[in-house]
Amino acid sequence: MPELPEVEALAQHLRTYARGREVSRVDVASLSVLKTVSPSWTELHGRQVTDVARHGKYLDMECAGLHLVVHLARAGWLRWSDELAPAPPKQGRGPIGMRVHLGGPGFDLTEAGTQKKLAVWIVAGPAEVPGIAKLGPDASTVDPDTFAAILDGRTERIKTVLTSQSMLAGIGNAYSDEILHAARLSPFAVAGKLDDDTVRRLHESVREILDDAVRRSVGQDAARLKAEKRTGMRVHGRVGLPCPVCGDVVREVSFSERSLQYCATCQTGGKPLADRRLSRLLK
């Protein structure tokens, strides 16, 4: 799933290559992608791209008073082309959900897999998108006091709080694993029970991990961002490999639709976390 660093890199890419260009045509290949009916996507035709912003994990392309807002969900992506094919993509076939022509160049919004959750809104302002209206402070700029206030009194696991967009915007499954590893903190720790020093260390890890990922991502070609994300990971997606800090094996806890990765030596005092799926297999 694209998270804050990748969406920021895509926003920067569009600021560089799309801003100032005119939307010549929008092709909707899958109507399920559109979450708004009015204004119609045809209202974007002839409008100049005036700015591109990011709100948490939402991408926002402003077109002279209208906003094309995109949430890439778990398997969506933005594929830029310096020369788009003039023929529209076939309805309901292939991975393309929407194509935006900007004269010669432009981009496709694509989605892999069978779970179609790629979402696009065309609105007068980004706050009209329900998910944006509910976002908490941006994880890349949240200050220490605000961060501590978010955690204060929470009974959820810290992994849950970090990935809840209404509490802290922009962090998903992958970067939360990396942040918790850097902070030497168990993903199952209760957020509201962390002491002041641990909260401070966790806030520093949030900023360091995200700042580093943004630095590595911004300026990369959009097609290379996914690979860049993977190469920067220390525990996420590295089950069975050695932890780069201590050399212990990276372990996993699996849930119904996702999993988390961690290092027991660095994060849980050497104690493996319970994994119900693995426990059932061993019975």
Protein backbone atom coordinates (compact mmCIF):
# COMPACT_ATOMS: atom_id res chain seq x y z
CA MET A 1 0.00 0.00 0.00
CA PRO A 2 1.40 3.43 -0.88
CA GLU A 3 1.97 5.40 2.30
CA LEU A 4 3.02 8.96 3.11
CA PRO A 5 6.51 8.88 1.53
CA GLU A 6 5.34 7.34 -1.75
CA VAL A 7 2.30 9.61 -2.05
CA GLU A 8 4.49 12.64 -1.30
CA ALA A 9 6.88 11.51 -4.04
CA LEU A 10 3.99 11.12 -6.50
CA ALA A 11 2.70 14.57 -5.54
CA GLN A 12 6.16 16.04 -6.15
CA HIS A 13 6.35 14.25 -9.49
CA LEU A 14 3.04 15.78 -10.57
CA ARG A 15 4.08 19.21 -9.31
CA THR A 16 7.10 18.97 -11.59
CA TYR A 17 5.54 17.45 -14.70
CA ALA A 18 1.79 18.18 -14.54
CA ARG A 19 1.48 21.62 -12.97
CA GLY A 20 0.76 24.25 -15.58
CA ARG A 21 -0.55 21.72 -18.10
CA GLU A 22 -4.15 21.59 -19.26
CA VAL A 23 -6.36 18.55 -18.76
CA SER A 24 -7.24 17.66 -22.33
CA ARG A 25 -9.32 14.57 -21.53
CA VAL A 26 -10.23 12.16 -18.74
CA ASP A 27 -11.10 8.55 -19.58
CA VAL A 28 -12.97 6.53 -16.94
CA ALA A 29 -12.34 2.84 -17.55
CA SER A 30 -14.08 1.68 -14.37
CA LEU A 31 -17.05 3.60 -12.99
CA SER A 32 -16.58 1.95 -9.59
CA VAL A 33 -13.44 4.06 -9.15
CA LEU A 34 -15.47 7.29 -9.04
CA LYS A 35 -16.97 8.07 -5.64
CA THR A 36 -18.67 11.31 -6.71
CA VAL A 37 -21.28 11.95 -9.39
CA SER A 38 -21.26 15.74 -9.58
CA PRO A 39 -19.21 17.49 -10.84
CA SER A 40 -18.70 15.10 -13.74
CA TRP A 41 -15.17 14.12 -14.72
CA THR A 42 -15.79 16.00 -17.98
CA GLU A 43 -15.78 19.22 -15.93
CA LEU A 44 -12.00 18.79 -15.65
CA HIS A 45 -11.57 19.11 -19.42
CA GLY A 46 -9.83 22.33 -20.38
CA ARG A 47 -8.78 23.19 -16.82
CA GLN A 48 -5.16 23.88 -15.96
CA VAL A 49 -3.41 21.93 -13.22
CA THR A 50 -2.66 24.69 -10.70
CA ASP A 51 -1.26 22.70 -7.76
CA VAL A 52 -0.75 19.22 -6.33
CA ALA A 53 -0.99 18.42 -2.62
CA ARG A 54 -0.96 15.46 -0.26
CA HIS A 55 -3.35 14.89 2.64
CA GLY A 56 -2.20 11.85 4.61
CA LYS A 57 -2.28 9.08 1.99
CA TYR A 58 -4.57 11.04 -0.35
CA LEU A 59 -3.24 12.67 -3.54
CA ASP A 60 -4.90 15.97 -4.50
CA MET A 61 -4.50 17.52 -7.96
CA GLU A 62 -6.12 20.96 -8.15
CA CYS A 63 -7.43 21.92 -11.58
CA ALA A 64 -8.48 25.59 -11.62
CA GLY A 65 -11.05 25.34 -8.86
CA LEU A 66 -11.81 21.62 -8.96
CA HIS A 67 -9.86 18.90 -7.17
CA LEU A 68 -9.14 15.42 -8.46
CA VAL A 69 -8.52 13.52 -5.22
CA VAL A 70 -7.11 9.98 -5.32
CA HIS A 71 -6.72 7.28 -2.69
CA LEU A 72 -4.59 4.46 -4.07
CA ALA A 73 -5.77 2.00 -1.39
CA ARG A 74 -3.87 -1.26 -1.04
CA ALA A 75 -3.00 -2.10 -4.65
CA GLY A 76 -3.46 1.13 -6.58
CA TRP A 77 -0.77 3.11 -8.35
CA LEU A 78 -0.18 6.16 -10.54
CA ARG A 79 1.63 5.35 -13.78
CA TRP A 80 3.05 8.40 -15.57
CA SER A 81 3.73 8.44 -19.31
CA ASP A 82 5.47 11.13 -21.34
CA GLU A 83 3.26 10.17 -24.29
CA LEU A 84 -0.11 8.59 -23.57
CA ALA A 85 -1.86 6.49 -26.20
CA PRO A 86 -4.70 8.56 -27.68
CA ALA A 87 -7.17 5.66 -27.68
CA PRO A 88 -9.14 5.37 -24.42
CA PRO A 89 -8.60 2.23 -22.29
CA LYS A 90 -11.21 -0.49 -22.66
CA GLN A 91 -14.09 -0.33 -20.20
CA GLY A 92 -13.87 -2.84 -17.37
CA ARG A 93 -10.76 -4.60 -18.71
CA GLY A 94 -7.27 -4.61 -17.36
CA PRO A 95 -5.83 -2.73 -14.39
CA ILE A 96 -6.58 0.83 -15.53
CA GLY A 97 -9.34 2.62 -13.63
CA MET A 98 -8.85 6.14 -14.99
CA ARG A 99 -6.62 7.88 -17.52
CA VAL A 100 -5.84 11.61 -17.34
CA HIS A 101 -4.52 13.23 -20.52
CA LEU A 102 -2.43 16.40 -20.15
CA GLY A 103 -1.84 17.21 -23.79
CA GLY A 104 0.68 14.57 -24.86
CA PRO A 105 1.76 13.25 -21.46
CA GLY A 106 -0.47 12.13 -18.61
CA PHE A 107 -1.06 9.28 -16.22
CA ASP A 108 -3.08 6.15 -15.57
CA LEU A 109 -4.55 5.26 -12.22
CA THR A 110 -4.20 1.48 -11.99
CA GLU A 111 -5.07 -1.25 -9.53
CA ALA A 112 -3.79 -4.81 -9.30
CA GLY A 113 -5.66 -7.79 -7.89
CA THR A 114 -9.36 -8.51 -7.45
CA GLN A 115 -10.15 -6.22 -4.52
CA LYS A 116 -11.05 -2.99 -6.26
CA LYS A 117 -10.64 -0.20 -3.70
CA LEU A 118 -8.94 2.49 -5.77
CA ALA A 119 -11.02 5.63 -5.19
CA VAL A 120 -11.33 8.98 -6.98
CA TRP A 121 -13.33 12.04 -5.97
CA ILE A 122 -13.96 15.19 -8.05
CA VAL A 123 -14.82 17.95 -5.59
CA ALA A 124 -14.70 21.70 -5.08
CA GLY A 125 -12.46 21.27 -2.04
CA PRO A 126 -10.55 18.35 -0.48
CA ALA A 127 -12.50 18.62 2.81
CA GLU A 128 -15.54 17.30 0.89
CA VAL A 129 -13.84 13.89 0.82
CA PRO A 130 -15.03 12.13 4.00
CA GLY A 131 -11.69 10.44 4.68
CA ILE A 132 -9.76 13.71 4.43
CA ALA A 133 -12.22 15.49 6.71
CA LYS A 134 -11.49 12.90 9.42
CA LEU A 135 -7.69 12.91 9.16
CA GLY A 136 -5.59 13.47 12.24
CA PRO A 137 -2.36 15.50 12.26
CA ASP A 138 0.09 14.66 9.49
CA ALA A 139 2.70 12.18 10.72
CA SER A 140 5.53 14.00 8.93
CA THR A 141 5.00 17.27 10.79
CA VAL A 142 3.34 16.32 14.10
CA ASP A 143 5.09 17.98 17.07
CA PRO A 144 6.10 16.11 20.25
CA ASP A 145 3.33 17.55 22.44
CA THR A 146 0.57 16.77 19.94
CA PHE A 147 1.98 13.29 19.44
CA ALA A 148 2.00 12.63 23.20
CA ALA A 149 -1.59 13.91 23.46
CA ILE A 150 -2.69 11.47 20.73
CA LEU A 151 -1.31 8.53 22.70
CA ASP A 152 -2.46 9.70 26.12
CA GLY A 153 -5.13 7.44 27.58
CA ARG A 154 -5.42 5.21 24.52
CA THR A 155 -6.10 1.55 25.31
CA GLU A 156 -5.29 0.25 21.82
CA ARG A 157 -2.03 -1.38 20.80
CA ILE A 158 0.51 1.14 19.58
CA LYS A 159 0.54 -0.47 16.11
CA THR A 160 -3.20 0.27 15.85
CA VAL A 161 -2.81 3.90 16.91
CA LEU A 162 0.04 4.58 14.48
CA THR A 163 -2.00 3.25 11.53
CA SER A 164 -5.31 4.89 12.47
CA GLN A 165 -5.66 7.77 10.01
CA SER A 166 -8.06 9.68 12.26
CA MET A 167 -5.34 9.85 14.93
CA LEU A 168 -2.22 10.24 12.79
CA ALA A 169 -2.34 10.67 9.02
CA GLY A 170 -0.04 8.94 6.55
CA ILE A 171 1.39 5.86 8.27
CA GLY A 172 0.35 2.40 7.09
CA ASN A 173 1.33 -1.17 7.83
CA ALA A 174 4.86 -1.09 6.41
CA TYR A 175 6.19 2.12 7.94
CA SER A 176 4.59 1.40 11.30
CA ASP A 177 6.67 -1.81 11.44
CA GLU A 178 9.79 0.20 10.63
CA ILE A 179 9.00 2.93 13.15
CA LEU A 180 8.37 0.46 15.97
CA HIS A 181 11.59 -1.39 15.17
CA ALA A 182 13.57 1.86 15.22
CA ALA A 183 11.95 2.79 18.54
CA ARG A 184 12.71 -0.68 19.99
CA LEU A 185 9.05 -1.07 20.90
CA SER A 186 6.65 -4.01 20.72
CA PRO A 187 3.74 -3.53 18.30
CA PHE A 188 1.49 -4.97 21.02
CA ALA A 189 2.44 -2.33 23.63
CA VAL A 190 -0.56 -0.36 24.91
CA ALA A 191 -0.32 3.21 23.62
CA GLY A 192 -1.56 4.93 26.75
CA LYS A 193 0.83 3.05 29.05
CA LEU A 194 4.06 4.21 27.45
CA ASP A 195 6.29 6.33 29.68
CA ASP A 196 7.47 9.79 28.65
CA ASP A 197 10.91 8.63 27.47
CA THR A 198 9.37 5.92 25.28
CA VAL A 199 6.86 8.37 23.78
CA ARG A 200 9.70 10.78 23.00
CA ARG A 201 11.76 7.99 21.41
CA LEU A 202 8.76 6.83 19.37
CA HIS A 203 8.07 10.36 18.10
CA GLU A 204 11.69 10.71 17.04
CA SER A 205 11.44 7.39 15.19
CA VAL A 206 8.28 8.50 13.38
CA ARG A 207 10.00 11.61 12.09
CA GLU A 208 13.31 9.90 11.28
CA ILE A 209 11.81 6.95 9.40
CA LEU A 210 9.39 9.09 7.40
CA ASP A 211 11.91 11.86 6.67
CA ASP A 212 14.43 9.30 5.42
CA ALA A 213 11.82 7.54 3.27
CA VAL A 214 10.67 10.84 1.75
CA ARG A 215 14.28 11.80 0.96
CA ARG A 216 14.83 8.46 -0.79
CA SER A 217 11.51 8.59 -2.64
CA VAL A 218 11.17 12.18 -3.87
CA GLY A 219 12.84 12.57 -7.25
CA GLN A 220 12.56 8.89 -8.09
CA ASP A 221 10.70 7.95 -11.24
CA ALA A 222 7.18 6.84 -10.31
CA ALA A 223 7.85 3.38 -11.73
CA ARG A 224 10.75 2.87 -9.29
CA LEU A 225 9.07 3.99 -6.08
CA LYS A 226 7.80 0.55 -5.05
CA ALA A 227 11.26 -0.97 -5.40
CA GLU A 228 12.79 1.94 -3.50
CA LYS A 229 10.33 1.38 -0.66
CA ARG A 230 11.22 -2.31 -0.40
CA THR A 231 14.98 -1.75 -0.39
CA GLY A 232 14.71 0.68 2.52
CA MET A 233 12.90 -1.73 4.85
CA ARG A 234 14.69 -3.28 7.82
CA VAL A 235 11.97 -5.62 9.14
CA HIS A 236 8.81 -5.19 7.05
CA GLY A 237 8.59 -7.85 4.36
CA ARG A 238 11.81 -9.49 5.60
CA VAL A 239 10.49 -12.53 7.49
CA GLY A 240 13.22 -15.12 8.06
CA LEU A 241 16.04 -12.71 7.24
CA PRO A 242 18.47 -11.37 9.85
CA CYS A 243 17.67 -8.12 11.63
CA PRO A 244 20.21 -5.55 10.37
CA VAL A 245 20.67 -4.23 13.92
CA CYS A 246 21.16 -7.38 16.04
CA GLY A 247 21.22 -10.30 13.60
CA ASP A 248 18.22 -12.10 15.11
CA VAL A 249 15.68 -13.52 12.66
CA VAL A 250 12.81 -11.23 11.64
CA ARG A 251 9.49 -12.72 12.77
CA GLU A 252 5.88 -12.25 11.75
CA VAL A 253 2.41 -12.11 13.27
CA SER A 254 -0.35 -12.83 10.75
CA PHE A 255 -3.91 -11.53 10.79
CA SER A 256 -6.83 -12.16 8.43
CA GLU A 257 -5.82 -9.66 5.72
CA ARG A 258 -2.36 -8.46 6.68
CA SER A 259 0.64 -9.18 8.85
CA LEU A 260 3.28 -7.37 10.87
CA GLN A 261 6.99 -8.01 11.09
CA TYR A 262 9.31 -7.38 14.04
CA CYS A 263 12.56 -8.36 15.73
CA ALA A 264 12.10 -10.08 19.08
CA THR A 265 15.58 -9.16 20.33
CA CYS A 266 15.21 -5.46 19.48
CA GLN A 267 11.54 -5.02 20.36
CA THR A 268 10.15 -7.60 22.78
CA GLY A 269 13.01 -8.57 25.06
CA GLY A 270 13.68 -11.71 23.03
CA LYS A 271 10.16 -13.10 23.49
CA PRO A 272 8.32 -14.06 20.26
CA LEU A 273 4.82 -12.62 19.98
CA ALA A 274 1.86 -14.98 19.79
CA ASP A 275 0.77 -15.72 16.24
CA ARG A 276 -2.63 -17.42 16.31
CA ARG A 277 -2.43 -18.53 12.68
CA LEU A 278 0.92 -20.27 13.25
CA SER A 279 -0.32 -21.72 16.55
CA ARG A 280 -3.26 -23.35 14.78
CA LEU A 281 -0.96 -24.89 12.17
CA LEU A 282 1.23 -26.40 14.89
CA LYS A 283 -1.65 -28.11 16.72
